[in-house]
Amino acid sequence: MAEQKYSLEHETAVLGKDGLAIQAGWIKVYHSNQITREFIASDIEYVMLGVSLSAGAYPDAPELPKTNDVAV
């Protein structure tokens, strides 16, 4: 059987304890405003081996508030 040329799955990045990628790939990140630190949006970014996430991006999701009158 021939090796499959295409795949619908993407390589997932793995971050080490120091925040640098120990495996290159795609990772879901959560962006924040760099001044107010409020949540802006989520995105999927490609992280190369040995590189950290972009400025203002975090790998963990923000905690959503219980009421509608609080900023995230």
PDB file of N, CA and C in Angstrom:
ATOM      1  N   MET A   1       0.843  -1.179   0.000  1.00  0.00           N
ATOM      2  CA  MET A   1       0.000   0.000   0.000  1.00  0.00           C
ATOM      3  C   MET A   1       0.892   1.248   0.000  1.00  0.00           C
ATOM      4  N   ALA A   2       0.537   2.220  -0.783  1.00  0.00           N
ATOM      5  CA  ALA A   2       1.325   3.448  -0.902  1.00  0.00           C
ATOM      6  C   ALA A   2       1.136   4.330   0.331  1.00  0.00           C
ATOM      7  N   GLU A   3       2.197   5.066   0.662  1.00  0.00           N
ATOM      8  CA  GLU A   3       2.121   5.984   1.795  1.00  0.00           C
ATOM      9  C   GLU A   3       1.162   7.118   1.451  1.00  0.00           C
ATOM     10  N   GLN A   4       0.356   7.528   2.429  1.00  0.00           N
ATOM     11  CA  GLN A   4      -0.612   8.590   2.202  1.00  0.00           C
ATOM     12  C   GLN A   4       0.114   9.926   2.048  1.00  0.00           C
ATOM     13  N   LYS A   5      -0.207  10.644   0.967  1.00  0.00           N
ATOM     14  CA  LYS A   5       0.480  11.898   0.663  1.00  0.00           C
ATOM     15  C   LYS A   5      -0.085  13.068   1.463  1.00  0.00           C
ATOM     16  N   TYR A   6      -1.392  13.076   1.681  1.00  0.00           N
ATOM     17  CA  TYR A   6      -2.042  14.197   2.350  1.00  0.00           C
ATOM     18  C   TYR A   6      -2.676  13.741   3.656  1.00  0.00           C
ATOM     19  N   SER A   7      -2.879  14.684   4.552  1.00  0.00           N
ATOM     20  CA  SER A   7      -3.513  14.384   5.830  1.00  0.00           C
ATOM     21  C   SER A   7      -4.434  15.531   6.210  1.00  0.00           C
ATOM     22  N   LEU A   8      -5.544  15.201   6.835  1.00  0.00           N
ATOM     23  CA  LEU A   8      -6.462  16.232   7.306  1.00  0.00           C
ATOM     24  C   LEU A   8      -6.120  16.684   8.727  1.00  0.00           C
ATOM     25  N   GLU A   9      -5.212  15.980   9.364  1.00  0.00           N
ATOM     26  CA  GLU A   9      -4.774  16.327  10.715  1.00  0.00           C
ATOM     27  C   GLU A   9      -3.548  17.234  10.629  1.00  0.00           C
ATOM     28  N   HIS A  10      -3.432  18.154  11.560  1.00  0.00           N
ATOM     29  CA  HIS A  10      -2.270  19.047  11.571  1.00  0.00           C
ATOM     30  C   HIS A  10      -1.336  18.671  12.716  1.00  0.00           C
ATOM     31  N   GLU A  11      -0.078  19.045  12.568  1.00  0.00           N
ATOM     32  CA  GLU A  11       0.903  18.819  13.626  1.00  0.00           C
ATOM     33  C   GLU A  11       0.585  19.761  14.784  1.00  0.00           C
ATOM     34  N   THR A  12       0.532  19.224  15.976  1.00  0.00           N
ATOM     35  CA  THR A  12       0.245  20.027  17.159  1.00  0.00           C
ATOM     36  C   THR A  12       1.545  20.390  17.860  1.00  0.00           C
ATOM     37  N   ALA A  13       1.705  21.675  18.157  1.00  0.00           N
ATOM     38  CA  ALA A  13       2.900  22.132  18.864  1.00  0.00           C
ATOM     39  C   ALA A  13       2.852  21.678  20.316  1.00  0.00           C
ATOM     40  N   VAL A  14       4.024  21.418  20.867  1.00  0.00           N
ATOM     41  CA  VAL A  14       4.154  21.063  22.279  1.00  0.00           C
ATOM     42  C   VAL A  14       5.127  22.052  22.900  1.00  0.00           C
ATOM     43  N   LEU A  15       4.683  22.710  23.983  1.00  0.00           N
ATOM     44  CA  LEU A  15       5.532  23.678  24.673  1.00  0.00           C
ATOM     45  C   LEU A  15       6.190  23.018  25.873  1.00  0.00           C
ATOM     46  N   GLY A  16       7.468  23.336  26.088  1.00  0.00           N
ATOM     47  CA  GLY A  16       8.193  22.821  27.241  1.00  0.00           C
ATOM     48  C   GLY A  16       7.914  23.662  28.479  1.00  0.00           C
ATOM     49  N   LYS A  17       8.525  23.300  29.596  1.00  0.00           N
ATOM     50  CA  LYS A  17       8.327  24.021  30.856  1.00  0.00           C
ATOM     51  C   LYS A  17       8.791  25.467  30.764  1.00  0.00           C
ATOM     52  N   ASP A  18       9.761  25.737  29.886  1.00  0.00           N
ATOM     53  CA  ASP A  18      10.274  27.096  29.715  1.00  0.00           C
ATOM     54  C   ASP A  18       9.459  27.918  28.720  1.00  0.00           C
ATOM     55  N   GLY A  19       8.403  27.342  28.146  1.00  0.00           N
ATOM     56  CA  GLY A  19       7.550  28.056  27.204  1.00  0.00           C
ATOM     57  C   GLY A  19       8.007  27.984  25.761  1.00  0.00           C
ATOM     58  N   LEU A  20       9.123  27.314  25.504  1.00  0.00           N
ATOM     59  CA  LEU A  20       9.621  27.162  24.138  1.00  0.00           C
ATOM     60  C   LEU A  20       9.080  25.868  23.541  1.00  0.00           C
ATOM     61  N   ALA A  21       8.849  25.889  22.241  1.00  0.00           N
ATOM     62  CA  ALA A  21       8.300  24.714  21.564  1.00  0.00           C
ATOM     63  C   ALA A  21       9.335  23.597  21.503  1.00  0.00           C
ATOM     64  N   ILE A  22       8.967  22.425  22.026  1.00  0.00           N
ATOM     65  CA  ILE A  22       9.834  21.249  21.913  1.00  0.00           C
ATOM     66  C   ILE A  22       9.389  20.395  20.731  1.00  0.00           C
ATOM     67  N   GLN A  23       8.235  20.749  20.165  1.00  0.00           N
ATOM     68  CA  GLN A  23       7.757  20.146  18.916  1.00  0.00           C
ATOM     69  C   GLN A  23       7.054  21.241  18.133  1.00  0.00           C
ATOM     70  N   ALA A  24       7.484  21.456  16.905  1.00  0.00           N
ATOM     71  CA  ALA A  24       6.874  22.483  16.059  1.00  0.00           C
ATOM     72  C   ALA A  24       5.478  22.054  15.647  1.00  0.00           C
ATOM     73  N   GLY A  25       4.599  23.035  15.435  1.00  0.00           N
ATOM     74  CA  GLY A  25       3.249  22.732  14.978  1.00  0.00           C
ATOM     75  C   GLY A  25       2.288  23.864  15.293  1.00  0.00           C
ATOM     76  N   TRP A  26       1.011  23.556  15.188  1.00  0.00           N
ATOM     77  CA  TRP A  26      -0.061  24.529  15.401  1.00  0.00           C
ATOM     78  C   TRP A  26      -0.579  24.428  16.826  1.00  0.00           C
ATOM     79  N   ILE A  27      -0.942  25.576  17.406  1.00  0.00           N
ATOM     80  CA  ILE A  27      -1.462  25.606  18.771  1.00  0.00           C
ATOM     81  C   ILE A  27      -2.504  26.715  18.883  1.00  0.00           C
ATOM     82  N   LYS A  28      -3.565  26.457  19.656  1.00  0.00           N
ATOM     83  CA  LYS A  28      -4.586  27.479  19.889  1.00  0.00           C
ATOM     84  C   LYS A  28      -4.080  28.406  20.978  1.00  0.00           C
ATOM     85  N   VAL A  29      -4.117  29.706  20.703  1.00  0.00           N
ATOM     86  CA  VAL A  29      -3.656  30.701  21.664  1.00  0.00           C
ATOM     87  C   VAL A  29      -4.761  31.715  21.925  1.00  0.00           C
ATOM     88  N   TYR A  30      -4.643  32.388  23.048  1.00  0.00           N
ATOM     89  CA  TYR A  30      -5.609  33.399  23.467  1.00  0.00           C
ATOM     90  C   TYR A  30      -4.860  34.720  23.586  1.00  0.00           C
ATOM     91  N   HIS A  31      -5.339  35.741  22.862  1.00  0.00           N
ATOM     92  CA  HIS A  31      -4.659  37.039  22.811  1.00  0.00           C
ATOM     93  C   HIS A  31      -5.259  37.998  23.834  1.00  0.00           C
ATOM     94  N   SER A  32      -4.392  38.837  24.392  1.00  0.00           N
ATOM     95  CA  SER A  32      -4.844  39.854  25.332  1.00  0.00           C
ATOM     96  C   SER A  32      -4.272  41.206  24.922  1.00  0.00           C
ATOM     97  N   ASN A  33      -4.963  42.258  25.347  1.00  0.00           N
ATOM     98  CA  ASN A  33      -4.470  43.611  25.142  1.00  0.00           C
ATOM     99  C   ASN A  33      -3.233  43.772  26.012  1.00  0.00           C
ATOM    100  N   GLN A  34      -2.144  44.264  25.453  1.00  0.00           N
ATOM    101  CA  GLN A  34      -0.889  44.327  26.200  1.00  0.00           C
ATOM    102  C   GLN A  34      -0.890  45.389  27.295  1.00  0.00           C
ATOM    103  N   ILE A  35      -1.810  46.338  27.236  1.00  0.00           N
ATOM    104  CA  ILE A  35      -1.880  47.371  28.271  1.00  0.00           C
ATOM    105  C   ILE A  35      -2.902  46.992  29.343  1.00  0.00           C
ATOM    106  N   THR A  36      -4.127  46.668  28.930  1.00  0.00           N
ATOM    107  CA  THR A  36      -5.184  46.358  29.899  1.00  0.00           C
ATOM    108  C   THR A  36      -5.219  44.883  30.281  1.00  0.00           C
ATOM    109  N   ARG A  37      -4.545  44.030  29.492  1.00  0.00           N
ATOM    110  CA  ARG A  37      -4.500  42.577  29.694  1.00  0.00           C
ATOM    111  C   ARG A  37      -5.874  41.921  29.581  1.00  0.00           C
ATOM    112  N   GLU A  38      -6.817  42.608  28.917  1.00  0.00           N
ATOM    113  CA  GLU A  38      -8.139  42.037  28.681  1.00  0.00           C
ATOM    114  C   GLU A  38      -8.074  41.069  27.508  1.00  0.00           C
ATOM    115  N   PHE A  39      -8.869  40.022  27.560  1.00  0.00           N
ATOM    116  CA  PHE A  39      -8.962  39.039  26.484  1.00  0.00           C
ATOM    117  C   PHE A  39      -9.508  39.716  25.236  1.00  0.00           C
ATOM    118  N   ILE A  40      -8.861  39.461  24.094  1.00  0.00           N
ATOM    119  CA  ILE A  40      -9.289  40.043  22.821  1.00  0.00           C
ATOM    120  C   ILE A  40      -9.910  38.980  21.924  1.00  0.00           C
ATOM    121  N   ALA A  41      -9.170  37.904  21.671  1.00  0.00           N
ATOM    122  CA  ALA A  41      -9.632  36.872  20.741  1.00  0.00           C
ATOM    123  C   ALA A  41      -8.773  35.624  20.884  1.00  0.00           C
ATOM    124  N   SER A  42      -9.244  34.552  20.267  1.00  0.00           N
ATOM    125  CA  SER A  42      -8.428  33.337  20.194  1.00  0.00           C
ATOM    126  C   SER A  42      -8.049  33.114  18.738  1.00  0.00           C
ATOM    127  N   ASP A  43      -6.975  32.369  18.546  1.00  0.00           N
ATOM    128  CA  ASP A  43      -6.448  32.165  17.208  1.00  0.00           C
ATOM    129  C   ASP A  43      -5.631  30.877  17.208  1.00  0.00           C
ATOM    130  N   ILE A  44      -5.322  30.377  16.044  1.00  0.00           N
ATOM    131  CA  ILE A  44      -4.436  29.227  15.921  1.00  0.00           C
ATOM    132  C   ILE A  44      -3.160  29.721  15.251  1.00  0.00           C
ATOM    133  N   GLU A  45      -2.023  29.507  15.922  1.00  0.00           N
ATOM    134  CA  GLU A  45      -0.736  29.984  15.415  1.00  0.00           C
ATOM    135  C   GLU A  45       0.209  28.818  15.196  1.00  0.00           C
ATOM    136  N   TYR A  46       1.119  28.996  14.251  1.00  0.00           N
ATOM    137  CA  TYR A  46       2.169  28.007  14.027  1.00  0.00           C
ATOM    138  C   TYR A  46       3.379  28.414  14.851  1.00  0.00           C
ATOM    139  N   VAL A  47       3.908  27.480  15.628  1.00  0.00           N
ATOM    140  CA  VAL A  47       5.078  27.740  16.467  1.00  0.00           C
ATOM    141  C   VAL A  47       6.217  26.857  15.977  1.00  0.00           C
ATOM    142  N   MET A  48       7.353  27.470  15.643  1.00  0.00           N
ATOM    143  CA  MET A  48       8.516  26.708  15.188  1.00  0.00           C
ATOM    144  C   MET A  48       9.279  26.143  16.383  1.00  0.00           C
ATOM    145  N   LEU A  49      10.064  25.128  16.134  1.00  0.00           N
ATOM    146  CA  LEU A  49      10.863  24.468  17.161  1.00  0.00           C
ATOM    147  C   LEU A  49      11.797  25.464  17.846  1.00  0.00           C
ATOM    148  N   GLY A  50      11.783  25.500  19.178  1.00  0.00           N
ATOM    149  CA  GLY A  50      12.659  26.378  19.941  1.00  0.00           C
ATOM    150  C   GLY A  50      12.176  27.804  20.078  1.00  0.00           C
ATOM    151  N   VAL A  51      10.952  28.090  19.640  1.00  0.00           N
ATOM    152  CA  VAL A  51      10.407  29.448  19.668  1.00  0.00           C
ATOM    153  C   VAL A  51       9.214  29.475  20.621  1.00  0.00           C
ATOM    154  N   SER A  52       8.973  30.632  21.252  1.00  0.00           N
ATOM    155  CA  SER A  52       7.826  30.764  22.145  1.00  0.00           C
ATOM    156  C   SER A  52       6.647  31.390  21.401  1.00  0.00           C
ATOM    157  N   LEU A  53       5.554  31.577  22.112  1.00  0.00           N
ATOM    158  CA  LEU A  53       4.367  32.195  21.519  1.00  0.00           C
ATOM    159  C   LEU A  53       4.619  33.682  21.277  1.00  0.00           C
ATOM    160  N   SER A  54       3.802  34.282  20.423  1.00  0.00           N
ATOM    161  CA  SER A  54       3.944  35.708  20.130  1.00  0.00           C
ATOM    162  C   SER A  54       3.562  36.541  21.353  1.00  0.00           C
ATOM    163  N   ALA A  55       3.993  37.790  21.369  1.00  0.00           N
ATOM    164  CA  ALA A  55       3.706  38.683  22.494  1.00  0.00           C
ATOM    165  C   ALA A  55       2.204  38.856  22.660  1.00  0.00           C
ATOM    166  N   GLY A  56       1.740  38.788  23.884  1.00  0.00           N
ATOM    167  CA  GLY A  56       0.320  38.951  24.164  1.00  0.00           C
ATOM    168  C   GLY A  56      -0.501  37.705  23.923  1.00  0.00           C
ATOM    169  N   ALA A  57       0.146  36.573  23.634  1.00  0.00           N
ATOM    170  CA  ALA A  57      -0.561  35.311  23.390  1.00  0.00           C
ATOM    171  C   ALA A  57      -0.286  34.344  24.536  1.00  0.00           C
ATOM    172  N   TYR A  58      -1.314  33.618  24.933  1.00  0.00           N
ATOM    173  CA  TYR A  58      -1.208  32.668  26.037  1.00  0.00           C
ATOM    174  C   TYR A  58      -1.814  31.334  25.627  1.00  0.00           C
ATOM    175  N   PRO A  59      -1.247  30.225  26.094  1.00  0.00           N
ATOM    176  CA  PRO A  59      -1.786  28.912  25.719  1.00  0.00           C
ATOM    177  C   PRO A  59      -2.999  28.491  26.540  1.00  0.00           C
ATOM    178  N   ASP A  60      -3.236  29.153  27.674  1.00  0.00           N
ATOM    179  CA  ASP A  60      -4.365  28.767  28.520  1.00  0.00           C
ATOM    180  C   ASP A  60      -5.529  29.737  28.335  1.00  0.00           C
ATOM    181  N   ALA A  61      -6.733  29.196  28.335  1.00  0.00           N
ATOM    182  CA  ALA A  61      -7.938  29.991  28.119  1.00  0.00           C
ATOM    183  C   ALA A  61      -8.223  30.871  29.333  1.00  0.00           C
ATOM    184  N   PRO A  62      -8.761  32.077  29.098  1.00  0.00           N
ATOM    185  CA  PRO A  62      -9.110  32.939  30.232  1.00  0.00           C
ATOM    186  C   PRO A  62     -10.345  32.397  30.947  1.00  0.00           C
ATOM    187  N   GLU A  63     -10.450  32.709  32.224  1.00  0.00           N
ATOM    188  CA  GLU A  63     -11.646  32.330  32.972  1.00  0.00           C
ATOM    189  C   GLU A  63     -12.738  33.336  32.648  1.00  0.00           C
ATOM    190  N   LEU A  64     -13.891  32.846  32.256  1.00  0.00           N
ATOM    191  CA  LEU A  64     -14.996  33.734  31.912  1.00  0.00           C
ATOM    192  C   LEU A  64     -15.700  34.190  33.184  1.00  0.00           C
ATOM    193  N   PRO A  65     -16.118  35.474  33.240  1.00  0.00           N
ATOM    194  CA  PRO A  65     -16.791  35.987  34.438  1.00  0.00           C
ATOM    195  C   PRO A  65     -18.188  35.392  34.592  1.00  0.00           C
ATOM    196  N   LYS A  66     -18.673  35.392  35.829  1.00  0.00           N
ATOM    197  CA  LYS A  66     -20.013  34.857  36.123  1.00  0.00           C
ATOM    198  C   LYS A  66     -21.115  35.847  35.745  1.00  0.00           C
ATOM    199  N   THR A  67     -20.791  37.150  35.733  1.00  0.00           N
ATOM    200  CA  THR A  67     -21.775  38.171  35.383  1.00  0.00           C
ATOM    201  C   THR A  67     -21.349  38.885  34.110  1.00  0.00           C
ATOM    202  N   ASN A  68     -22.272  39.626  33.516  1.00  0.00           N
ATOM    203  CA  ASN A  68     -22.000  40.308  32.248  1.00  0.00           C
ATOM    204  C   ASN A  68     -21.354  41.675  32.415  1.00  0.00           C
ATOM    205  N   ASP A  69     -21.175  42.154  33.645  1.00  0.00           N
ATOM    206  CA  ASP A  69     -20.639  43.496  33.855  1.00  0.00           C
ATOM    207  C   ASP A  69     -19.153  43.502  34.225  1.00  0.00           C
ATOM    208  N   VAL A  70     -18.449  42.407  33.916  1.00  0.00           N
ATOM    209  CA  VAL A  70     -17.034  42.279  34.245  1.00  0.00           C
ATOM    210  C   VAL A  70     -16.240  42.017  32.972  1.00  0.00           C
ATOM    211  N   ALA A  71     -15.080  42.669  32.845  1.00  0.00           N
ATOM    212  CA  ALA A  71     -14.213  42.441  31.686  1.00  0.00           C
ATOM    213  C   ALA A  71     -13.392  41.183  31.901  1.00  0.00           C
ATOM    214  N   VAL A  72     -13.039  40.537  30.803  1.00  0.00           N
ATOM    215  CA  VAL A  72     -12.220  39.322  30.891  1.00  0.00           C
ATOM    216  C   VAL A  72     -10.771  39.696  30.747  1.00  0.00           C
TER     217      VAL A  72
END
